[in-house]
Amino acid sequence: MRDRPLINYIVENGKFKDDMFVNVTICNIPESLVREFLRTVVNPSYPGISQAIQDLMKKETQKQKKLDTVLE
């Protein structure tokens, strides 16, 4: 299966328009860093860690696309 660009899955308002979600396992992250991330980023701003990671991924993707546009 070929990878499809992320833009195929997101509509204008930032909601996902497909229901193909994946589970991700992230290894080798210090527990202290996870606790700090939960305390400083997730708990004050998000209902859970999945929502925080999704939002951060979207923001970083958009930021990189803007950088790529400037460099072209």
C-alpha atoms as a PDB file:
ATOM      1  CA  MET A   1       0.000   0.000   0.000  1.00  0.00           C
ATOM      2  CA  ARG A   2       1.386   3.395  -0.965  1.00  0.00           C
ATOM      3  CA  ASP A   3       1.553   6.140   1.620  1.00  0.00           C
ATOM      4  CA  ARG A   4      -0.980   8.861   0.961  1.00  0.00           C
ATOM      5  CA  PRO A   5      -0.334  12.469   1.925  1.00  0.00           C
ATOM      6  CA  LEU A   6      -1.827  13.482   5.266  1.00  0.00           C
ATOM      7  CA  ILE A   7      -3.869  16.174   3.541  1.00  0.00           C
ATOM      8  CA  ASN A   8      -6.099  13.397   2.114  1.00  0.00           C
ATOM      9  CA  TYR A   9      -7.365  12.723   5.601  1.00  0.00           C
ATOM     10  CA  ILE A  10      -7.980  16.202   6.963  1.00  0.00           C
ATOM     11  CA  VAL A  11     -10.831  18.542   6.097  1.00  0.00           C
ATOM     12  CA  GLU A  12     -10.672  22.323   6.401  1.00  0.00           C
ATOM     13  CA  ASN A  13     -11.705  22.546  10.051  1.00  0.00           C
ATOM     14  CA  GLY A  14      -8.931  20.189  11.119  1.00  0.00           C
ATOM     15  CA  LYS A  15     -11.209  17.207  11.732  1.00  0.00           C
ATOM     16  CA  PHE A  16     -10.240  13.826  10.364  1.00  0.00           C
ATOM     17  CA  LYS A  17     -12.545  12.722   7.570  1.00  0.00           C
ATOM     18  CA  ASP A  18     -11.504   9.075   7.522  1.00  0.00           C
ATOM     19  CA  ASP A  19     -11.843   6.444  10.188  1.00  0.00           C
ATOM     20  CA  MET A  20      -8.557   4.672   9.553  1.00  0.00           C
ATOM     21  CA  PHE A  21      -6.702   5.316  12.780  1.00  0.00           C
ATOM     22  CA  VAL A  22      -3.506   3.589  13.871  1.00  0.00           C
ATOM     23  CA  ASN A  23      -2.075   2.709  17.247  1.00  0.00           C
ATOM     24  CA  VAL A  24       1.452   3.941  17.791  1.00  0.00           C
ATOM     25  CA  THR A  25       3.990   2.549  20.220  1.00  0.00           C
ATOM     26  CA  ILE A  26       6.778   4.916  21.141  1.00  0.00           C
ATOM     27  CA  CYS A  27       9.820   3.352  22.773  1.00  0.00           C
ATOM     28  CA  ASN A  28      12.780   4.582  24.781  1.00  0.00           C
ATOM     29  CA  ILE A  29      11.336   7.759  26.234  1.00  0.00           C
ATOM     30  CA  PRO A  30      12.350   8.462  29.820  1.00  0.00           C
ATOM     31  CA  GLU A  31       9.476   8.227  32.271  1.00  0.00           C
ATOM     32  CA  SER A  32      10.429  11.597  33.729  1.00  0.00           C
ATOM     33  CA  LEU A  33       9.992  13.222  30.297  1.00  0.00           C
ATOM     34  CA  VAL A  34       6.557  11.619  29.856  1.00  0.00           C
ATOM     35  CA  ARG A  35       5.485  12.820  33.322  1.00  0.00           C
ATOM     36  CA  GLU A  36       6.758  16.339  32.578  1.00  0.00           C
ATOM     37  CA  PHE A  37       4.951  16.367  29.203  1.00  0.00           C
ATOM     38  CA  LEU A  38       1.710  15.256  30.864  1.00  0.00           C
ATOM     39  CA  ARG A  39       2.054  17.823  33.647  1.00  0.00           C
ATOM     40  CA  THR A  40       3.045  20.824  31.539  1.00  0.00           C
ATOM     41  CA  VAL A  41       1.364  20.231  28.156  1.00  0.00           C
ATOM     42  CA  VAL A  42      -1.372  17.601  28.284  1.00  0.00           C
ATOM     43  CA  ASN A  43      -3.158  18.173  31.585  1.00  0.00           C
ATOM     44  CA  PRO A  44      -3.593  21.966  31.252  1.00  0.00           C
ATOM     45  CA  SER A  45      -4.639  21.972  27.583  1.00  0.00           C
ATOM     46  CA  TYR A  46      -5.952  18.608  26.371  1.00  0.00           C
ATOM     47  CA  PRO A  47      -8.407  15.902  27.471  1.00  0.00           C
ATOM     48  CA  GLY A  48      -5.749  13.220  26.936  1.00  0.00           C
ATOM     49  CA  ILE A  49      -2.330  12.391  25.564  1.00  0.00           C
ATOM     50  CA  SER A  50      -3.660  11.199  22.174  1.00  0.00           C
ATOM     51  CA  GLN A  51      -5.325  14.543  21.522  1.00  0.00           C
ATOM     52  CA  ALA A  52      -2.160  16.381  22.535  1.00  0.00           C
ATOM     53  CA  ILE A  53       0.029  14.306  20.239  1.00  0.00           C
ATOM     54  CA  GLN A  54      -2.421  14.710  17.325  1.00  0.00           C
ATOM     55  CA  ASP A  55      -2.497  18.476  17.797  1.00  0.00           C
ATOM     56  CA  LEU A  56       1.282  18.728  18.059  1.00  0.00           C
ATOM     57  CA  MET A  57       1.700  16.567  14.947  1.00  0.00           C
ATOM     58  CA  LYS A  58      -0.711  18.788  12.990  1.00  0.00           C
ATOM     59  CA  LYS A  59       1.050  21.967  14.126  1.00  0.00           C
ATOM     60  CA  GLU A  60       4.507  20.656  13.261  1.00  0.00           C
ATOM     61  CA  THR A  61       3.313  19.402   9.863  1.00  0.00           C
ATOM     62  CA  GLN A  62       1.823  22.811   9.055  1.00  0.00           C
ATOM     63  CA  LYS A  63       4.983  24.550  10.259  1.00  0.00           C
ATOM     64  CA  GLN A  64       7.165  22.336   8.063  1.00  0.00           C
ATOM     65  CA  LYS A  65       4.928  22.938   5.033  1.00  0.00           C
ATOM     66  CA  LYS A  66       5.283  26.696   5.547  1.00  0.00           C
ATOM     67  CA  LEU A  67       9.074  26.334   5.777  1.00  0.00           C
ATOM     68  CA  ASP A  68       9.133  24.231   2.634  1.00  0.00           C
ATOM     69  CA  THR A  69       7.087  26.874   0.795  1.00  0.00           C
ATOM     70  CA  VAL A  70       9.487  29.630   1.863  1.00  0.00           C
ATOM     71  CA  LEU A  71      12.517  27.604   0.733  1.00  0.00           C
ATOM     72  CA  GLU A  72      11.081  26.924  -2.739  1.00  0.00           C
END
